[in-house]
């Protein structure tokens, strides 16, 4: 298998590459070097390229998952943290207003 094929396979498996440790990738590249499919001088660059592609693939997967979760929460009509925080702030203001009104009325008695 040519180096380009290896890169394409790893990129296609993005999630697998993203979860692979640097040691695992180095081990695989060293096997390719031993079989003569990759030159020793290219091995470090290949490891770096695979690590970078793995990180990129991981970010893409995380972004896709985040977007899907957001869509699901919207479809379930679940409020966002910002909406909950805004309601908490409104309730706090209303409580202060009621406390002030109660103090005014209790002073009138």
N, C-alpha and C. Protein backbone atom coordinates (compact mmCIF):
# COMPACT_ATOMS: atom_id res chain seq x y z
N UNK A 1 0.85 -1.18 0.00
CA UNK A 1 0.00 0.00 0.00
C UNK A 1 0.90 1.24 0.00
N UNK A 2 0.65 2.15 -0.92
CA UNK A 2 1.47 3.35 -1.04
C UNK A 2 1.14 4.33 0.07
N UNK A 3 2.11 5.22 0.36
CA UNK A 3 1.93 6.20 1.42
C UNK A 3 0.66 7.03 1.21
N UNK A 4 0.39 7.41 -0.01
CA UNK A 4 -0.80 8.21 -0.30
C UNK A 4 -2.06 7.43 0.07
N UNK A 5 -2.07 6.13 -0.20
CA UNK A 5 -3.21 5.30 0.16
C UNK A 5 -3.38 5.24 1.68
N UNK A 6 -2.26 5.12 2.39
CA UNK A 6 -2.31 5.08 3.85
C UNK A 6 -2.90 6.38 4.38
N UNK A 7 -2.44 7.50 3.85
CA UNK A 7 -2.96 8.80 4.29
C UNK A 7 -4.46 8.91 4.01
N UNK A 8 -4.86 8.48 2.83
CA UNK A 8 -6.28 8.55 2.49
C UNK A 8 -7.12 7.65 3.38
N UNK A 9 -6.62 6.46 3.67
CA UNK A 9 -7.36 5.55 4.55
C UNK A 9 -7.50 6.13 5.95
N UNK A 10 -6.43 6.69 6.48
CA UNK A 10 -6.49 7.27 7.82
C UNK A 10 -7.42 8.47 7.83
N UNK A 11 -7.35 9.29 6.80
CA UNK A 11 -8.23 10.45 6.74
C UNK A 11 -9.69 10.00 6.65
N UNK A 12 -9.94 8.96 5.87
CA UNK A 12 -11.30 8.44 5.73
C UNK A 12 -11.82 7.91 7.05
N UNK A 13 -10.94 7.40 7.86
CA UNK A 13 -11.34 6.86 9.15
C UNK A 13 -11.23 7.91 10.25
N UNK A 14 -11.16 9.17 9.87
CA UNK A 14 -11.00 10.31 10.76
C UNK A 14 -11.12 10.06 12.24
N UNK A 15 -12.21 9.50 12.69
CA UNK A 15 -12.42 9.30 14.11
C UNK A 15 -11.37 8.36 14.66
N UNK A 16 -11.04 7.31 13.92
CA UNK A 16 -10.01 6.39 14.37
C UNK A 16 -8.67 7.08 14.48
N UNK A 17 -8.35 7.91 13.52
CA UNK A 17 -7.09 8.64 13.56
C UNK A 17 -7.10 9.64 14.70
N UNK A 18 -8.25 10.23 14.94
CA UNK A 18 -8.35 11.22 16.00
C UNK A 18 -8.13 10.58 17.37
N UNK A 19 -8.57 9.34 17.51
CA UNK A 19 -8.44 8.70 18.81
C UNK A 19 -7.13 7.93 18.95
N UNK A 20 -6.42 7.77 17.86
CA UNK A 20 -5.15 7.05 17.91
C UNK A 20 -4.11 7.90 18.62
N UNK A 21 -3.32 7.26 19.43
CA UNK A 21 -2.26 7.98 20.13
C UNK A 21 -1.07 8.16 19.19
N UNK A 22 -0.23 9.09 19.54
CA UNK A 22 0.97 9.33 18.74
C UNK A 22 1.81 8.06 18.68
N UNK A 23 1.87 7.32 19.78
CA UNK A 23 2.66 6.09 19.81
C UNK A 23 2.11 5.06 18.83
N UNK A 24 0.79 4.96 18.75
CA UNK A 24 0.18 4.01 17.81
C UNK A 24 0.50 4.40 16.37
N UNK A 25 0.41 5.68 16.09
CA UNK A 25 0.69 6.16 14.74
C UNK A 25 2.16 5.93 14.41
N UNK A 26 3.05 6.24 15.36
CA UNK A 26 4.49 6.02 15.13
C UNK A 26 4.78 4.55 14.87
N UNK A 27 4.12 3.67 15.63
CA UNK A 27 4.32 2.23 15.45
C UNK A 27 3.90 1.80 14.04
N UNK A 28 2.76 2.29 13.59
CA UNK A 28 2.27 1.94 12.26
C UNK A 28 3.20 2.48 11.18
N UNK A 29 3.66 3.71 11.33
CA UNK A 29 4.57 4.30 10.35
C UNK A 29 5.89 3.52 10.35
N UNK A 30 6.39 3.13 11.52
CA UNK A 30 7.63 2.34 11.56
C UNK A 30 7.47 1.01 10.83
N UNK A 31 6.28 0.41 10.94
CA UNK A 31 6.02 -0.83 10.19
C UNK A 31 6.08 -0.57 8.69
N UNK A 32 5.53 0.57 8.26
CA UNK A 32 5.58 0.93 6.85
C UNK A 32 7.02 1.15 6.39
N UNK A 33 7.82 1.75 7.26
CA UNK A 33 9.24 1.98 6.94
C UNK A 33 9.94 0.63 6.80
N UNK A 34 9.68 -0.28 7.73
CA UNK A 34 10.32 -1.60 7.69
C UNK A 34 9.94 -2.37 6.44
N UNK A 35 8.71 -2.19 5.97
CA UNK A 35 8.27 -2.88 4.76
C UNK A 35 8.72 -2.15 3.50
N UNK A 36 9.34 -1.00 3.66
CA UNK A 36 9.85 -0.25 2.52
C UNK A 36 8.80 0.59 1.81
N UNK A 37 7.65 0.78 2.44
CA UNK A 37 6.59 1.55 1.80
C UNK A 37 6.72 3.05 2.08
N UNK A 38 7.52 3.37 3.09
CA UNK A 38 7.76 4.77 3.44
C UNK A 38 9.25 4.91 3.73
N UNK A 39 9.84 5.99 3.24
CA UNK A 39 11.26 6.25 3.50
C UNK A 39 11.43 6.72 4.94
N UNK A 40 12.53 6.32 5.56
CA UNK A 40 12.82 6.73 6.95
C UNK A 40 12.79 8.26 7.05
N UNK A 41 13.33 8.94 6.04
CA UNK A 41 13.39 10.41 6.07
C UNK A 41 12.00 11.05 6.03
N UNK A 42 11.00 10.31 5.54
CA UNK A 42 9.64 10.84 5.45
C UNK A 42 8.79 10.45 6.66
N UNK A 43 9.29 9.57 7.50
CA UNK A 43 8.45 9.01 8.56
C UNK A 43 8.00 10.05 9.58
N UNK A 44 8.90 10.94 10.00
CA UNK A 44 8.51 11.96 10.99
C UNK A 44 7.43 12.89 10.44
N UNK A 45 7.60 13.27 9.18
CA UNK A 45 6.60 14.14 8.55
C UNK A 45 5.27 13.42 8.42
N UNK A 46 5.32 12.13 8.10
CA UNK A 46 4.09 11.35 7.97
C UNK A 46 3.37 11.26 9.31
N UNK A 47 4.11 11.04 10.39
CA UNK A 47 3.51 11.00 11.73
C UNK A 47 2.85 12.34 12.03
N UNK A 48 3.56 13.42 11.77
CA UNK A 48 3.01 14.76 12.02
C UNK A 48 1.74 15.00 11.19
N UNK A 49 1.79 14.60 9.91
CA UNK A 49 0.63 14.78 9.03
C UNK A 49 -0.57 13.99 9.55
N UNK A 50 -0.33 12.74 9.95
CA UNK A 50 -1.42 11.91 10.45
C UNK A 50 -2.00 12.46 11.74
N UNK A 51 -1.13 12.96 12.62
CA UNK A 51 -1.60 13.55 13.88
C UNK A 51 -2.46 14.79 13.58
N UNK A 52 -2.00 15.60 12.65
CA UNK A 52 -2.74 16.82 12.30
C UNK A 52 -4.09 16.47 11.68
N UNK A 53 -4.09 15.49 10.78
CA UNK A 53 -5.36 15.09 10.16
C UNK A 53 -6.29 14.49 11.21
N UNK A 54 -5.73 13.76 12.16
CA UNK A 54 -6.55 13.20 13.23
C UNK A 54 -7.19 14.28 14.08
N UNK A 55 -6.40 15.31 14.40
CA UNK A 55 -6.94 16.42 15.19
C UNK A 55 -8.04 17.15 14.42
N UNK A 56 -7.80 17.35 13.13
CA UNK A 56 -8.79 18.04 12.30
C UNK A 56 -10.07 17.21 12.23
N UNK A 57 -9.93 15.92 12.02
CA UNK A 57 -11.10 15.04 11.94
C UNK A 57 -11.85 15.04 13.26
N UNK A 58 -11.13 15.04 14.36
CA UNK A 58 -11.77 15.04 15.68
C UNK A 58 -12.57 16.32 15.87
N UNK A 59 -12.00 17.46 15.48
CA UNK A 59 -12.72 18.73 15.60
C UNK A 59 -13.98 18.73 14.74
N UNK A 60 -13.87 18.16 13.54
CA UNK A 60 -15.03 18.10 12.65
C UNK A 60 -16.14 17.23 13.26
N UNK A 61 -15.75 16.10 13.83
CA UNK A 61 -16.73 15.21 14.45
C UNK A 61 -17.37 15.89 15.65
N UNK A 62 -16.56 16.54 16.49
CA UNK A 62 -17.09 17.24 17.66
C UNK A 62 -18.06 18.34 17.24
N UNK A 63 -17.70 19.07 16.19
CA UNK A 63 -18.56 20.14 15.70
C UNK A 63 -19.89 19.58 15.19
N UNK A 64 -19.81 18.48 14.47
CA UNK A 64 -21.02 17.85 13.95
C UNK A 64 -21.90 17.35 15.09
N UNK A 65 -21.30 16.75 16.11
CA UNK A 65 -22.07 16.26 17.25
C UNK A 65 -22.72 17.41 17.99
N UNK A 66 -21.96 18.48 18.21
CA UNK A 66 -22.50 19.66 18.89
C UNK A 66 -23.71 20.22 18.14
N UNK A 67 -23.59 20.30 16.83
CA UNK A 67 -24.69 20.82 16.02
C UNK A 67 -25.91 19.91 16.11
N UNK A 68 -25.70 18.61 16.07
CA UNK A 68 -26.81 17.66 16.16
C UNK A 68 -27.50 17.75 17.52
N UNK A 69 -26.71 17.90 18.59
CA UNK A 69 -27.28 18.01 19.93
C UNK A 69 -28.11 19.28 20.03
N UNK A 70 -27.59 20.39 19.48
CA UNK A 70 -28.35 21.64 19.49
C UNK A 70 -29.68 21.48 18.77
N UNK A 71 -29.64 20.84 17.60
CA UNK A 71 -30.87 20.62 16.84
C UNK A 71 -31.86 19.78 17.63
N UNK A 72 -31.36 18.77 18.31
CA UNK A 72 -32.22 17.90 19.09
C UNK A 72 -32.86 18.67 20.25
N UNK A 73 -32.06 19.47 20.95
CA UNK A 73 -32.59 20.24 22.07
C UNK A 73 -33.65 21.24 21.61
N UNK A 74 -33.42 21.85 20.46
CA UNK A 74 -34.41 22.79 19.93
C UNK A 74 -35.69 22.04 19.58
N UNK A 75 -35.55 20.87 18.97
CA UNK A 75 -36.74 20.11 18.59
C UNK A 75 -37.52 19.64 19.81
N UNK A 76 -36.84 19.45 20.93
CA UNK A 76 -37.49 19.03 22.17
C UNK A 76 -37.97 20.22 23.00
N UNK A 77 -37.73 21.43 22.50
CA UNK A 77 -38.12 22.68 23.15
C UNK A 77 -37.49 22.81 24.54
N UNK A 78 -36.24 22.40 24.64
CA UNK A 78 -35.49 22.51 25.90
C UNK A 78 -34.77 23.86 25.90
N UNK A 79 -34.94 24.65 26.97
CA UNK A 79 -34.33 25.98 26.99
C UNK A 79 -32.81 25.89 27.07
N UNK A 80 -32.17 26.90 26.49
CA UNK A 80 -30.71 26.98 26.56
C UNK A 80 -30.30 27.53 27.92
N UNK A 81 -29.03 27.41 28.24
CA UNK A 81 -28.52 27.95 29.50
C UNK A 81 -28.72 29.46 29.54
N UNK A 82 -28.54 30.12 28.40
CA UNK A 82 -28.73 31.57 28.35
C UNK A 82 -30.18 31.94 28.66
N UNK A 83 -31.12 31.16 28.15
CA UNK A 83 -32.54 31.44 28.43
C UNK A 83 -32.86 31.22 29.90
N UNK A 84 -32.30 30.17 30.49
CA UNK A 84 -32.52 29.90 31.91
C UNK A 84 -31.91 31.03 32.75
N UNK A 85 -30.71 31.46 32.39
CA UNK A 85 -30.05 32.55 33.12
C UNK A 85 -30.86 33.84 33.03
N UNK A 86 -31.42 34.12 31.85
CA UNK A 86 -32.23 35.33 31.68
C UNK A 86 -33.48 35.26 32.56
N UNK A 87 -34.10 34.10 32.63
CA UNK A 87 -35.27 33.94 33.49
C UNK A 87 -34.91 34.09 34.97
N UNK A 88 -33.78 33.55 35.37
CA UNK A 88 -33.33 33.71 36.75
C UNK A 88 -33.14 35.18 37.09
N UNK A 89 -32.56 35.93 36.17
CA UNK A 89 -32.34 37.36 36.40
C UNK A 89 -33.68 38.09 36.52
N UNK A 90 -34.64 37.75 35.68
CA UNK A 90 -35.96 38.38 35.74
C UNK A 90 -36.66 38.05 37.05
N UNK A 91 -36.56 36.80 37.50
CA UNK A 91 -37.18 36.40 38.77
C UNK A 91 -36.53 37.17 39.92
N UNK A 92 -35.23 37.32 39.90
CA UNK A 92 -34.54 38.05 40.96
C UNK A 92 -35.02 39.50 41.02
N UNK A 93 -35.19 40.12 39.86
CA UNK A 93 -35.69 41.50 39.82
C UNK A 93 -37.11 41.57 40.36
N UNK A 94 -37.94 40.64 39.97
CA UNK A 94 -39.33 40.61 40.45
C UNK A 94 -39.38 40.41 41.97
N UNK A 95 -38.53 39.53 42.48
CA UNK A 95 -38.49 39.29 43.93
C UNK A 95 -38.10 40.57 44.68
N UNK A 96 -37.11 41.29 44.17
CA UNK A 96 -36.69 42.54 44.81
C UNK A 96 -37.83 43.56 44.78
N UNK A 97 -38.51 43.64 43.65
CA UNK A 97 -39.63 44.58 43.51
C UNK A 97 -40.73 44.22 44.50
N UNK A 98 -41.07 42.95 44.62
CA UNK A 98 -42.10 42.52 45.57
C UNK A 98 -41.68 42.79 47.02
N UNK A 99 -40.41 42.52 47.32
CA UNK A 99 -39.92 42.79 48.68
C UNK A 99 -40.05 44.27 49.01
N UNK A 100 -39.71 45.14 48.08
CA UNK A 100 -39.83 46.58 48.31
C UNK A 100 -41.29 46.97 48.51
N UNK A 101 -42.18 46.41 47.70
CA UNK A 101 -43.61 46.72 47.84
C UNK A 101 -44.14 46.21 49.17
N UNK A 102 -43.71 45.05 49.59
CA UNK A 102 -44.16 44.51 50.88
C UNK A 102 -43.65 45.36 52.03
N UNK A 103 -42.43 45.88 51.91
CA UNK A 103 -41.87 46.73 52.96
C UNK A 103 -42.65 48.04 53.05
N UNK A 104 -43.03 48.59 51.92
CA UNK A 104 -43.80 49.84 51.89
C UNK A 104 -45.16 49.61 52.53
N UNK A 105 -45.80 48.50 52.18
CA UNK A 105 -47.12 48.21 52.73
C UNK A 105 -47.05 47.87 54.21
N UNK A 106 -46.00 47.22 54.67
CA UNK A 106 -45.90 46.90 56.08
C UNK A 106 -45.58 48.16 56.89
N UNK A 107 -44.94 49.14 56.32
CA UNK A 107 -44.67 50.40 57.00
C UNK A 107 -45.95 51.24 57.11
N UNK A 108 -46.89 51.04 56.19
CA UNK A 108 -48.14 51.78 56.22
C UNK A 108 -49.05 51.30 57.35
N UNK A 109 -48.86 50.09 57.81
CA UNK A 109 -49.72 49.53 58.86
C UNK A 109 -49.41 50.12 60.14
